[in-house]
Amino acid sequence: MTHVDYNRCLRSSKAPLTPMPVFLLSKQLLFPPPRLAEKDGLLAVGGDLTMERLLLGYREGIFPWYSENEPIMWWSPDPRLVLYPAELHLSSSLKKKLRQHSFRITADKAFPEVIAACAAVRSKQRTATWITDDMLQAYICLHQAGFAHSIEAWQGDRLAGGLYGIALGKCFFGESMFAYISDASKVAFVHLVQHLAAGGYHFIDCQVVTGHLQRLGAREIPRAQFLRELKKALLSETVCGKWEDPIFQD
């Protein structure tokens, strides 16, 4: 692992050509301390998307986020957006939607379809996606190993929305969500939170700020606090395998 000058223009053609120091990862399975990240959260570039490196990154509060034709970028934002299950906020309209039972909710029934849909929806909206082909395949491998999970919302046999993320210890790292039908991803998210609460999970790592998640109860905490709470959550054993909680039965 060496220290290099890296240019912001790799992330945005409109960014100033101001060099900033980040860490260049080697083949060695190692990350620099998150406290050394830049103000925007960028910590390192390079490395790979092997299962071992991805899991190590999540355990240390670091995640990959980059676009096609860019090097792999690793981030640890400060502050960090998290949602504690007890703080889930349901609007009146969302409560009504839940009472209507408009969607059938399952877990781990269509992981490849969910992650592909997350990427496709962003592309259709002309929003840059970090779910490159390499990322997609890497997270499917994590799912097959029992670390990555999906929540699906169905209308009949049609996939209406969903989300996916990584479960380690008693922490869930949320990655992305999508909806083909209004509120489908929100309903899937509520069921996820209920499932995590029942399982004694400490919090959901929402990574970066979005108004959508803040309206559902997520809030920012300092990175140092996040890392302390993550360390505690990881003291619990990680239970690998497909989720089969009754909440998610067909």
C-alpha atoms as a PDB file:
ATOM      1  CA  MET A   1       0.000   0.000   0.000  1.00  0.00           C
ATOM      2  CA  THR A   2       1.612   3.260  -1.124  1.00  0.00           C
ATOM      3  CA  HIS A   3       0.657   6.921  -0.845  1.00  0.00           C
ATOM      4  CA  VAL A   4       0.010   8.644  -4.157  1.00  0.00           C
ATOM      5  CA  ASP A   5      -1.430  11.822  -5.632  1.00  0.00           C
ATOM      6  CA  TYR A   6      -4.827  11.118  -7.179  1.00  0.00           C
ATOM      7  CA  ASN A   7      -6.868  13.527  -9.261  1.00  0.00           C
ATOM      8  CA  ARG A   8     -10.492  14.450  -8.630  1.00  0.00           C
ATOM      9  CA  CYS A   9     -11.117  14.636 -12.345  1.00  0.00           C
ATOM     10  CA  LEU A  10     -11.431  10.841 -12.380  1.00  0.00           C
ATOM     11  CA  ARG A  11     -14.779  11.171 -10.622  1.00  0.00           C
ATOM     12  CA  SER A  12     -16.224  14.149 -12.443  1.00  0.00           C
ATOM     13  CA  SER A  13     -15.314  15.979 -15.602  1.00  0.00           C
ATOM     14  CA  LYS A  14     -16.457  19.186 -13.899  1.00  0.00           C
ATOM     15  CA  ALA A  15     -14.205  18.710 -10.857  1.00  0.00           C
ATOM     16  CA  PRO A  16     -11.154  20.978 -10.421  1.00  0.00           C
ATOM     17  CA  LEU A  17      -7.764  19.543 -11.268  1.00  0.00           C
ATOM     18  CA  THR A  18      -6.634  19.696  -7.661  1.00  0.00           C
ATOM     19  CA  PRO A  19      -4.494  16.738  -6.570  1.00  0.00           C
ATOM     20  CA  MET A  20      -5.472  14.991  -3.374  1.00  0.00           C
ATOM     21  CA  PRO A  21      -3.591  12.281  -1.545  1.00  0.00           C
ATOM     22  CA  VAL A  22      -5.254   8.894  -1.213  1.00  0.00           C
ATOM     23  CA  PHE A  23      -3.955   5.377  -0.731  1.00  0.00           C
ATOM     24  CA  LEU A  24      -3.222   3.066  -3.632  1.00  0.00           C
ATOM     25  CA  LEU A  25      -4.043  -0.520  -2.684  1.00  0.00           C
ATOM     26  CA  SER A  26      -1.748  -3.360  -3.644  1.00  0.00           C
ATOM     27  CA  LYS A  27      -2.555  -7.064  -3.829  1.00  0.00           C
ATOM     28  CA  GLN A  28      -2.003  -7.223  -0.076  1.00  0.00           C
ATOM     29  CA  LEU A  29      -5.300  -7.658   1.787  1.00  0.00           C
ATOM     30  CA  LEU A  30      -5.107  -4.453   3.795  1.00  0.00           C
ATOM     31  CA  PHE A  31      -6.887  -1.093   4.113  1.00  0.00           C
ATOM     32  CA  PRO A  32      -5.585   2.163   5.613  1.00  0.00           C
ATOM     33  CA  PRO A  33      -7.430   3.453   8.708  1.00  0.00           C
ATOM     34  CA  PRO A  34     -10.737   5.175   7.810  1.00  0.00           C
ATOM     35  CA  ARG A  35      -9.680   8.285   9.764  1.00  0.00           C
ATOM     36  CA  LEU A  36      -7.181   9.003   6.975  1.00  0.00           C
ATOM     37  CA  ALA A  37      -9.946   9.432   4.376  1.00  0.00           C
ATOM     38  CA  GLU A  38     -10.346  12.711   2.529  1.00  0.00           C
ATOM     39  CA  LYS A  39     -13.080  15.160   3.565  1.00  0.00           C
ATOM     40  CA  ASP A  40     -15.430  13.698   0.965  1.00  0.00           C
ATOM     41  CA  GLY A  41     -14.822  10.200   2.330  1.00  0.00           C
ATOM     42  CA  LEU A  42     -12.498   8.846  -0.361  1.00  0.00           C
ATOM     43  CA  LEU A  43      -9.873   6.666   1.266  1.00  0.00           C
ATOM     44  CA  ALA A  44      -8.195   4.474  -1.334  1.00  0.00           C
ATOM     45  CA  VAL A  45      -8.181   3.323  -4.937  1.00  0.00           C
ATOM     46  CA  GLY A  46      -7.284   0.041  -6.558  1.00  0.00           C
ATOM     47  CA  GLY A  47      -7.323  -3.436  -5.109  1.00  0.00           C
ATOM     48  CA  ASP A  48      -9.996  -5.844  -6.258  1.00  0.00           C
ATOM     49  CA  LEU A  49     -13.541  -7.018  -5.597  1.00  0.00           C
ATOM     50  CA  THR A  50     -12.759 -10.420  -4.146  1.00  0.00           C
ATOM     51  CA  MET A  51     -15.061 -11.660  -1.426  1.00  0.00           C
ATOM     52  CA  GLU A  52     -12.253 -11.441   1.124  1.00  0.00           C
ATOM     53  CA  ARG A  53     -11.486  -7.796   0.372  1.00  0.00           C
ATOM     54  CA  LEU A  54     -15.132  -6.750   0.249  1.00  0.00           C
ATOM     55  CA  LEU A  55     -15.913  -8.361   3.602  1.00  0.00           C
ATOM     56  CA  LEU A  56     -12.790  -6.858   5.162  1.00  0.00           C
ATOM     57  CA  GLY A  57     -13.785  -3.451   3.877  1.00  0.00           C
ATOM     58  CA  TYR A  58     -17.286  -3.636   5.317  1.00  0.00           C
ATOM     59  CA  ARG A  59     -15.956  -4.838   8.662  1.00  0.00           C
ATOM     60  CA  GLU A  60     -13.686  -1.785   8.786  1.00  0.00           C
ATOM     61  CA  GLY A  61     -16.384   0.680   7.752  1.00  0.00           C
ATOM     62  CA  ILE A  62     -15.195   0.978   4.137  1.00  0.00           C
ATOM     63  CA  PHE A  63     -17.169   0.300   0.957  1.00  0.00           C
ATOM     64  CA  PRO A  64     -16.530   0.441  -2.819  1.00  0.00           C
ATOM     65  CA  TRP A  65     -18.221   3.087  -4.936  1.00  0.00           C
ATOM     66  CA  TYR A  66     -17.152   3.987  -8.448  1.00  0.00           C
ATOM     67  CA  SER A  67     -18.431   4.205 -12.002  1.00  0.00           C
ATOM     68  CA  GLU A  68     -17.648   2.378 -15.205  1.00  0.00           C
ATOM     69  CA  ASN A  69     -14.188   3.143 -16.633  1.00  0.00           C
ATOM     70  CA  GLU A  70     -12.928   4.342 -13.245  1.00  0.00           C
ATOM     71  CA  PRO A  71     -10.596   2.528 -10.863  1.00  0.00           C
ATOM     72  CA  ILE A  72     -12.166   0.868  -7.830  1.00  0.00           C
ATOM     73  CA  MET A  73     -12.653   3.568  -5.182  1.00  0.00           C
ATOM     74  CA  TRP A  74     -13.058   2.863  -1.468  1.00  0.00           C
ATOM     75  CA  TRP A  75     -14.944   5.228   0.835  1.00  0.00           C
ATOM     76  CA  SER A  76     -15.529   5.896   4.512  1.00  0.00           C
ATOM     77  CA  PRO A  77     -17.696   9.041   4.813  1.00  0.00           C
ATOM     78  CA  ASP A  78     -17.802  11.344   7.816  1.00  0.00           C
ATOM     79  CA  PRO A  79     -20.533  11.744   8.955  1.00  0.00           C
ATOM     80  CA  ARG A  80     -22.206   8.415   8.218  1.00  0.00           C
ATOM     81  CA  LEU A  81     -25.916   7.897   7.627  1.00  0.00           C
ATOM     82  CA  VAL A  82     -27.437   5.113   9.735  1.00  0.00           C
ATOM     83  CA  LEU A  83     -30.908   3.956  10.654  1.00  0.00           C
ATOM     84  CA  TYR A  84     -31.631   2.381  14.027  1.00  0.00           C
ATOM     85  CA  PRO A  85     -34.598  -0.020  13.775  1.00  0.00           C
ATOM     86  CA  ALA A  86     -36.402   1.630  16.701  1.00  0.00           C
ATOM     87  CA  GLU A  87     -36.240   4.989  14.911  1.00  0.00           C
ATOM     88  CA  LEU A  88     -37.982   3.880  11.714  1.00  0.00           C
ATOM     89  CA  HIS A  89     -40.461   6.594  10.720  1.00  0.00           C
ATOM     90  CA  LEU A  90     -43.594   5.719   8.792  1.00  0.00           C
ATOM     91  CA  SER A  91     -45.577   8.473   7.107  1.00  0.00           C
ATOM     92  CA  SER A  92     -49.357   8.301   7.093  1.00  0.00           C
ATOM     93  CA  SER A  93     -49.372   7.371   3.413  1.00  0.00           C
ATOM     94  CA  LEU A  94     -46.828   4.592   3.944  1.00  0.00           C
ATOM     95  CA  LYS A  95     -48.819   3.203   6.875  1.00  0.00           C
ATOM     96  CA  LYS A  96     -51.870   3.138   4.622  1.00  0.00           C
ATOM     97  CA  LYS A  97     -49.916   1.343   1.909  1.00  0.00           C
ATOM     98  CA  LEU A  98     -48.766  -1.297   4.403  1.00  0.00           C
ATOM     99  CA  ARG A  99     -52.341  -1.879   5.592  1.00  0.00           C
ATOM    100  CA  GLN A 100     -53.425  -2.450   2.006  1.00  0.00           C
ATOM    101  CA  HIS A 101     -51.008  -5.367   1.592  1.00  0.00           C
ATOM    102  CA  SER A 102     -50.377  -4.247  -1.978  1.00  0.00           C
ATOM    103  CA  PHE A 103     -47.183  -6.287  -2.255  1.00  0.00           C
ATOM    104  CA  ARG A 104     -46.072  -9.806  -1.436  1.00  0.00           C
ATOM    105  CA  ILE A 105     -42.706  -9.630   0.343  1.00  0.00           C
ATOM    106  CA  THR A 106     -39.987 -12.272   0.095  1.00  0.00           C
ATOM    107  CA  ALA A 107     -36.276 -12.482   0.881  1.00  0.00           C
ATOM    108  CA  ASP A 108     -33.438 -14.011  -1.129  1.00  0.00           C
ATOM    109  CA  LYS A 109     -35.784 -15.263  -3.826  1.00  0.00           C
ATOM    110  CA  ALA A 110     -34.442 -13.129  -6.688  1.00  0.00           C
ATOM    111  CA  PHE A 111     -31.112 -11.583  -5.697  1.00  0.00           C
ATOM    112  CA  PRO A 112     -29.596 -11.393  -9.222  1.00  0.00           C
ATOM    113  CA  GLU A 113     -32.775  -9.797 -10.540  1.00  0.00           C
ATOM    114  CA  VAL A 114     -32.850  -7.240  -7.716  1.00  0.00           C
ATOM    115  CA  ILE A 115     -29.271  -6.059  -8.109  1.00  0.00           C
ATOM    116  CA  ALA A 116     -29.652  -5.951 -11.900  1.00  0.00           C
ATOM    117  CA  ALA A 117     -32.838  -3.911 -11.514  1.00  0.00           C
ATOM    118  CA  CYS A 118     -31.090  -1.467  -9.163  1.00  0.00           C
ATOM    119  CA  ALA A 119     -28.487  -0.855 -11.864  1.00  0.00           C
ATOM    120  CA  ALA A 120     -31.025  -0.716 -14.702  1.00  0.00           C
ATOM    121  CA  VAL A 121     -33.340   1.763 -12.995  1.00  0.00           C
ATOM    122  CA  ARG A 122     -30.486   4.186 -12.365  1.00  0.00           C
ATOM    123  CA  SER A 123     -29.326   3.870 -15.974  1.00  0.00           C
ATOM    124  CA  LYS A 124     -32.855   4.473 -17.256  1.00  0.00           C
ATOM    125  CA  GLN A 125     -33.034   7.604 -15.093  1.00  0.00           C
ATOM    126  CA  ARG A 126     -29.685   8.640 -16.571  1.00  0.00           C
ATOM    127  CA  THR A 127     -28.160   8.542 -13.117  1.00  0.00           C
ATOM    128  CA  ALA A 128     -24.611   7.239 -12.852  1.00  0.00           C
ATOM    129  CA  THR A 129     -24.548   3.777 -11.343  1.00  0.00           C
ATOM    130  CA  TRP A 130     -21.776   2.190  -9.315  1.00  0.00           C
ATOM    131  CA  ILE A 131     -23.236  -1.260 -10.009  1.00  0.00           C
ATOM    132  CA  THR A 132     -20.830  -2.152 -12.788  1.00  0.00           C
ATOM    133  CA  ASP A 133     -20.740  -5.645 -14.264  1.00  0.00           C
ATOM    134  CA  ASP A 134     -17.813  -6.485 -11.969  1.00  0.00           C
ATOM    135  CA  MET A 135     -19.693  -5.198  -8.923  1.00  0.00           C
ATOM    136  CA  LEU A 136     -22.798  -7.133  -9.912  1.00  0.00           C
ATOM    137  CA  GLN A 137     -20.891 -10.396 -10.180  1.00  0.00           C
ATOM    138  CA  ALA A 138     -18.996  -9.749  -6.933  1.00  0.00           C
ATOM    139  CA  TYR A 139     -22.195  -9.232  -4.933  1.00  0.00           C
ATOM    140  CA  ILE A 140     -23.862 -12.248  -6.490  1.00  0.00           C
ATOM    141  CA  CYS A 141     -20.896 -14.243  -5.175  1.00  0.00           C
ATOM    142  CA  LEU A 142     -21.457 -12.705  -1.729  1.00  0.00           C
ATOM    143  CA  HIS A 143     -25.103 -13.734  -1.946  1.00  0.00           C
ATOM    144  CA  GLN A 144     -24.212 -17.282  -2.932  1.00  0.00           C
ATOM    145  CA  ALA A 145     -21.889 -17.401   0.093  1.00  0.00           C
ATOM    146  CA  GLY A 146     -24.741 -16.264   2.369  1.00  0.00           C
ATOM    147  CA  PHE A 147     -23.527 -12.733   3.174  1.00  0.00           C
ATOM    148  CA  ALA A 148     -25.599 -10.632   0.756  1.00  0.00           C
ATOM    149  CA  HIS A 149     -29.388 -10.582   0.893  1.00  0.00           C
ATOM    150  CA  SER A 150     -32.263  -9.189  -1.108  1.00  0.00           C
ATOM    151  CA  ILE A 151     -35.786  -8.199  -0.162  1.00  0.00           C
ATOM    152  CA  GLU A 152     -38.334  -8.420  -2.945  1.00  0.00           C
ATOM    153  CA  ALA A 153     -41.764  -6.792  -3.338  1.00  0.00           C
ATOM    154  CA  TRP A 154     -44.050  -8.570  -5.801  1.00  0.00           C
ATOM    155  CA  GLN A 155     -47.382  -7.917  -7.452  1.00  0.00           C
ATOM    156  CA  GLY A 156     -48.488 -11.290  -8.701  1.00  0.00           C
ATOM    157  CA  ASP A 157     -45.475 -12.768 -10.448  1.00  0.00           C
ATOM    158  CA  ARG A 158     -44.034  -9.349 -11.293  1.00  0.00           C
ATOM    159  CA  LEU A 159     -41.079  -7.968  -9.367  1.00  0.00           C
ATOM    160  CA  ALA A 160     -42.298  -4.513  -8.325  1.00  0.00           C
ATOM    161  CA  GLY A 161     -39.343  -3.350  -6.249  1.00  0.00           C
ATOM    162  CA  GLY A 162     -36.692  -4.383  -3.797  1.00  0.00           C
ATOM    163  CA  LEU A 163     -33.340  -3.796  -2.191  1.00  0.00           C
ATOM    164  CA  TYR A 164     -30.123  -5.601  -1.328  1.00  0.00           C
ATOM    165  CA  GLY A 165     -27.254  -5.365   1.132  1.00  0.00           C
ATOM    166  CA  ILE A 166     -24.737  -7.199   3.278  1.00  0.00           C
ATOM    167  CA  ALA A 167     -25.351  -8.682   6.735  1.00  0.00           C
ATOM    168  CA  LEU A 168     -22.375  -9.068   9.070  1.00  0.00           C
ATOM    169  CA  GLY A 169     -22.696  -9.643  12.795  1.00  0.00           C
ATOM    170  CA  LYS A 170     -25.630  -7.490  13.881  1.00  0.00           C
ATOM    171  CA  CYS A 171     -25.179  -4.824  11.216  1.00  0.00           C
ATOM    172  CA  PHE A 172     -26.860  -4.593   7.815  1.00  0.00           C
ATOM    173  CA  PHE A 173     -25.046  -2.603   5.141  1.00  0.00           C
ATOM    174  CA  GLY A 174     -27.668  -1.267   2.741  1.00  0.00           C
ATOM    175  CA  GLU A 175     -26.468  -0.988  -0.830  1.00  0.00           C
ATOM    176  CA  SER A 176     -29.291  -0.006  -3.189  1.00  0.00           C
ATOM    177  CA  MET A 177     -33.023  -0.195  -3.795  1.00  0.00           C
ATOM    178  CA  PHE A 178     -35.349   0.181  -6.761  1.00  0.00           C
ATOM    179  CA  ALA A 179     -39.058   0.442  -7.533  1.00  0.00           C
ATOM    180  CA  TYR A 180     -40.944  -0.259 -10.729  1.00  0.00           C
ATOM    181  CA  ILE A 181     -44.191   0.476  -8.895  1.00  0.00           C
ATOM    182  CA  SER A 182     -44.607   3.400  -6.501  1.00  0.00           C
ATOM    183  CA  ASP A 183     -43.775   2.621  -2.843  1.00  0.00           C
ATOM    184  CA  ALA A 184     -42.616  -0.941  -3.578  1.00  0.00           C
ATOM    185  CA  SER A 185     -39.071  -0.296  -2.338  1.00  0.00           C
ATOM    186  CA  LYS A 186     -40.349   1.540   0.747  1.00  0.00           C
ATOM    187  CA  VAL A 187     -42.565  -1.392   1.700  1.00  0.00           C
ATOM    188  CA  ALA A 188     -39.643  -3.780   1.173  1.00  0.00           C
ATOM    189  CA  PHE A 189     -37.469  -1.550   3.350  1.00  0.00           C
ATOM    190  CA  VAL A 190     -40.022  -1.504   6.176  1.00  0.00           C
ATOM    191  CA  HIS A 191     -40.137  -5.308   6.158  1.00  0.00           C
ATOM    192  CA  LEU A 192     -36.346  -5.392   6.201  1.00  0.00           C
ATOM    193  CA  VAL A 193     -36.229  -3.126   9.248  1.00  0.00           C
ATOM    194  CA  GLN A 194     -38.847  -5.206  11.040  1.00  0.00           C
ATOM    195  CA  HIS A 195     -36.880  -8.360  10.287  1.00  0.00           C
ATOM    196  CA  LEU A 196     -33.636  -6.816  11.539  1.00  0.00           C
ATOM    197  CA  ALA A 197     -35.316  -5.519  14.696  1.00  0.00           C
ATOM    198  CA  ALA A 198     -36.650  -8.997  15.448  1.00  0.00           C
ATOM    199  CA  GLY A 199     -33.155 -10.393  14.948  1.00  0.00           C
ATOM    200  CA  GLY A 200     -31.527  -7.918  17.331  1.00  0.00           C
ATOM    201  CA  TYR A 201     -29.597  -6.019  14.674  1.00  0.00           C
ATOM    202  CA  HIS A 202     -28.082  -2.780  15.942  1.00  0.00           C
ATOM    203  CA  PHE A 203     -28.461  -0.572  12.871  1.00  0.00           C
ATOM    204  CA  ILE A 204     -28.553  -0.291   9.083  1.00  0.00           C
ATOM    205  CA  ASP A 205     -25.580   1.412   7.482  1.00  0.00           C
ATOM    206  CA  CYS A 206     -27.097   3.714   4.852  1.00  0.00           C
ATOM    207  CA  GLN A 207     -23.624   4.992   3.903  1.00  0.00           C
ATOM    208  CA  VAL A 208     -24.321   8.406   2.378  1.00  0.00           C
ATOM    209  CA  VAL A 209     -27.067  10.965   2.879  1.00  0.00           C
ATOM    210  CA  THR A 210     -30.287  10.744   0.895  1.00  0.00           C
ATOM    211  CA  GLY A 211     -33.482  12.612   1.723  1.00  0.00           C
ATOM    212  CA  HIS A 212     -35.463   9.450   0.988  1.00  0.00           C
ATOM    213  CA  LEU A 213     -33.784   7.526   3.812  1.00  0.00           C
ATOM    214  CA  GLN A 214     -33.792  10.486   6.167  1.00  0.00           C
ATOM    215  CA  ARG A 215     -37.562  10.695   5.816  1.00  0.00           C
ATOM    216  CA  LEU A 216     -37.691   7.046   6.886  1.00  0.00           C
ATOM    217  CA  GLY A 217     -35.763   7.870  10.061  1.00  0.00           C
ATOM    218  CA  ALA A 218     -32.092   7.603   9.103  1.00  0.00           C
ATOM    219  CA  ARG A 219     -29.720  10.144  10.635  1.00  0.00           C
ATOM    220  CA  GLU A 220     -26.092  11.120  10.448  1.00  0.00           C
ATOM    221  CA  ILE A 221     -23.570  10.204  13.124  1.00  0.00           C
ATOM    222  CA  PRO A 222     -19.835  10.971  13.276  1.00  0.00           C
ATOM    223  CA  ARG A 223     -17.616   8.373  11.609  1.00  0.00           C
ATOM    224  CA  ALA A 224     -15.805   7.718  14.890  1.00  0.00           C
ATOM    225  CA  GLN A 225     -19.113   6.849  16.559  1.00  0.00           C
ATOM    226  CA  PHE A 226     -20.116   4.687  13.611  1.00  0.00           C
ATOM    227  CA  LEU A 227     -16.864   2.720  13.813  1.00  0.00           C
ATOM    228  CA  ARG A 228     -17.320   2.160  17.562  1.00  0.00           C
ATOM    229  CA  GLU A 229     -20.874   0.923  17.094  1.00  0.00           C
ATOM    230  CA  LEU A 230     -19.834  -1.218  14.135  1.00  0.00           C
ATOM    231  CA  LYS A 231     -17.150  -2.879  16.226  1.00  0.00           C
ATOM    232  CA  LYS A 232     -19.773  -3.799  18.838  1.00  0.00           C
ATOM    233  CA  ALA A 233     -22.208  -5.073  16.211  1.00  0.00           C
ATOM    234  CA  LEU A 234     -19.525  -7.313  14.741  1.00  0.00           C
ATOM    235  CA  LEU A 235     -18.934  -9.037  18.075  1.00  0.00           C
ATOM    236  CA  SER A 236     -22.019 -11.089  17.270  1.00  0.00           C
ATOM    237  CA  GLU A 237     -21.615 -14.098  15.032  1.00  0.00           C
ATOM    238  CA  THR A 238     -22.477 -13.675  11.369  1.00  0.00           C
ATOM    239  CA  VAL A 239     -25.166 -16.145  10.372  1.00  0.00           C
ATOM    240  CA  CYS A 240     -24.613 -17.074   6.731  1.00  0.00           C
ATOM    241  CA  GLY A 241     -27.229 -18.509   4.424  1.00  0.00           C
ATOM    242  CA  LYS A 242     -30.565 -17.546   2.957  1.00  0.00           C
ATOM    243  CA  TRP A 243     -33.016 -15.701   5.160  1.00  0.00           C
ATOM    244  CA  GLU A 244     -36.008 -17.869   5.980  1.00  0.00           C
ATOM    245  CA  ASP A 245     -37.771 -15.758   8.604  1.00  0.00           C
ATOM    246  CA  PRO A 246     -41.568 -16.263   8.524  1.00  0.00           C
ATOM    247  CA  ILE A 247     -41.914 -12.568   7.680  1.00  0.00           C
ATOM    248  CA  PHE A 248     -40.607 -13.417   4.255  1.00  0.00           C
ATOM    249  CA  GLN A 249     -42.401 -16.631   3.457  1.00  0.00           C
ATOM    250  CA  ASP A 250     -44.319 -16.742   0.179  1.00  0.00           C
END
